[in-house]
Amino acid sequence: MLLVAGSIELYGHRWAVEANLRNLKQTLGMDILRTKSLDNILKELSMFLLVYNLVRLVMPKASQEQDVPLERIRFADALRWL
């Protein structure tokens, strides 16, 4: 039974990682990089990660202000709010 519980927990972590990657790729538009040189690609990736982390930083505050669980705050909504 312990193996099943561990698998469920691992699946939950995998789901969270996939949701975060989806937010980066689709919501922020990182599915297509617009630059060609390595230096500019690194800058572009840095900006995507900066914006992603800023949105994730705001989400707990929005959760508190709206008095709802953090899981109910959507990444896209927090991005629009910013």
Protein backbone atom coordinates (compact mmCIF):
# COMPACT_ATOMS: atom_id res chain seq x y z
CA MET A 1 0.00 0.00 0.00
CA LEU A 2 2.95 2.30 0.69
CA LEU A 3 4.05 1.95 -2.93
CA VAL A 4 0.62 3.09 -4.17
CA ALA A 5 0.63 6.13 -1.86
CA GLY A 6 4.13 7.04 -3.06
CA SER A 7 3.03 6.68 -6.67
CA ILE A 8 0.05 8.97 -6.10
CA GLU A 9 2.28 11.58 -4.47
CA LEU A 10 4.80 11.31 -7.31
CA TYR A 11 2.00 11.69 -9.88
CA GLY A 12 0.85 14.85 -8.08
CA HIS A 13 4.35 16.31 -8.33
CA ARG A 14 4.56 15.38 -12.01
CA TRP A 15 1.20 17.06 -12.66
CA ALA A 16 2.44 20.27 -10.99
CA VAL A 17 5.62 20.27 -13.09
CA GLU A 18 3.63 19.78 -16.29
CA ALA A 19 1.23 22.58 -15.34
CA ASN A 20 4.16 24.92 -14.67
CA LEU A 21 5.77 24.06 -18.01
CA ARG A 22 2.42 24.68 -19.73
CA ASN A 23 2.27 28.11 -18.06
CA LEU A 24 5.73 28.93 -19.36
CA LYS A 25 5.12 27.65 -22.87
CA GLN A 26 1.53 28.60 -23.58
CA THR A 27 0.50 31.34 -21.18
CA LEU A 28 3.77 33.29 -21.43
CA GLY A 29 4.37 32.38 -25.07
CA MET A 30 7.69 30.63 -24.55
CA ASP A 31 6.78 27.87 -27.00
CA ILE A 32 8.50 29.89 -29.74
CA LEU A 33 11.76 31.70 -29.05
CA ARG A 34 12.11 34.80 -31.19
CA THR A 35 15.88 35.19 -31.18
CA LYS A 36 18.65 33.23 -32.89
CA SER A 37 21.94 33.97 -31.12
CA LEU A 38 22.85 32.08 -27.97
CA ASP A 39 23.33 35.30 -25.99
CA ASN A 40 19.87 36.59 -26.93
CA ILE A 41 18.25 33.19 -26.30
CA LEU A 42 19.68 33.23 -22.77
CA LYS A 43 18.34 36.76 -22.26
CA GLU A 44 14.93 35.76 -23.56
CA LEU A 45 14.78 32.69 -21.31
CA SER A 46 15.86 34.83 -18.34
CA MET A 47 13.01 37.24 -18.98
CA PHE A 48 10.47 34.42 -19.22
CA LEU A 49 11.70 33.00 -15.92
CA LEU A 50 11.68 36.42 -14.29
CA VAL A 51 8.06 37.06 -15.30
CA TYR A 52 7.06 33.51 -14.30
CA ASN A 53 8.58 33.94 -10.84
CA LEU A 54 7.00 37.37 -10.42
CA VAL A 55 3.56 35.93 -11.19
CA ARG A 56 4.14 33.00 -8.82
CA LEU A 57 5.21 35.47 -6.13
CA VAL A 58 1.95 37.41 -6.47
CA MET A 59 -0.31 34.35 -6.39
CA PRO A 60 -0.16 33.72 -2.59
CA LYS A 61 -0.96 37.38 -1.92
CA ALA A 62 -3.96 37.19 -4.26
CA SER A 63 -5.04 34.03 -2.45
CA GLN A 64 -4.94 35.80 0.90
CA GLU A 65 -6.70 38.94 -0.34
CA GLN A 66 -9.48 36.95 -1.96
CA ASP A 67 -9.63 34.50 0.96
CA VAL A 68 -9.46 31.45 -1.29
CA PRO A 69 -7.04 28.51 -1.36
CA LEU A 70 -3.91 29.08 -3.45
CA GLU A 71 -4.92 26.19 -5.72
CA ARG A 72 -7.91 28.28 -6.90
CA ILE A 73 -5.69 31.11 -8.18
CA ARG A 74 -4.94 30.53 -11.84
CA PHE A 75 -1.58 31.51 -13.27
CA ALA A 76 -3.19 33.22 -16.28
CA ASP A 77 -5.45 35.31 -14.03
CA ALA A 78 -2.52 36.40 -11.86
CA LEU A 79 -0.58 37.32 -15.01
CA ARG A 80 -3.49 39.44 -16.28
CA TRP A 81 -3.74 41.14 -12.88
CA LEU A 82 -0.08 42.13 -13.06
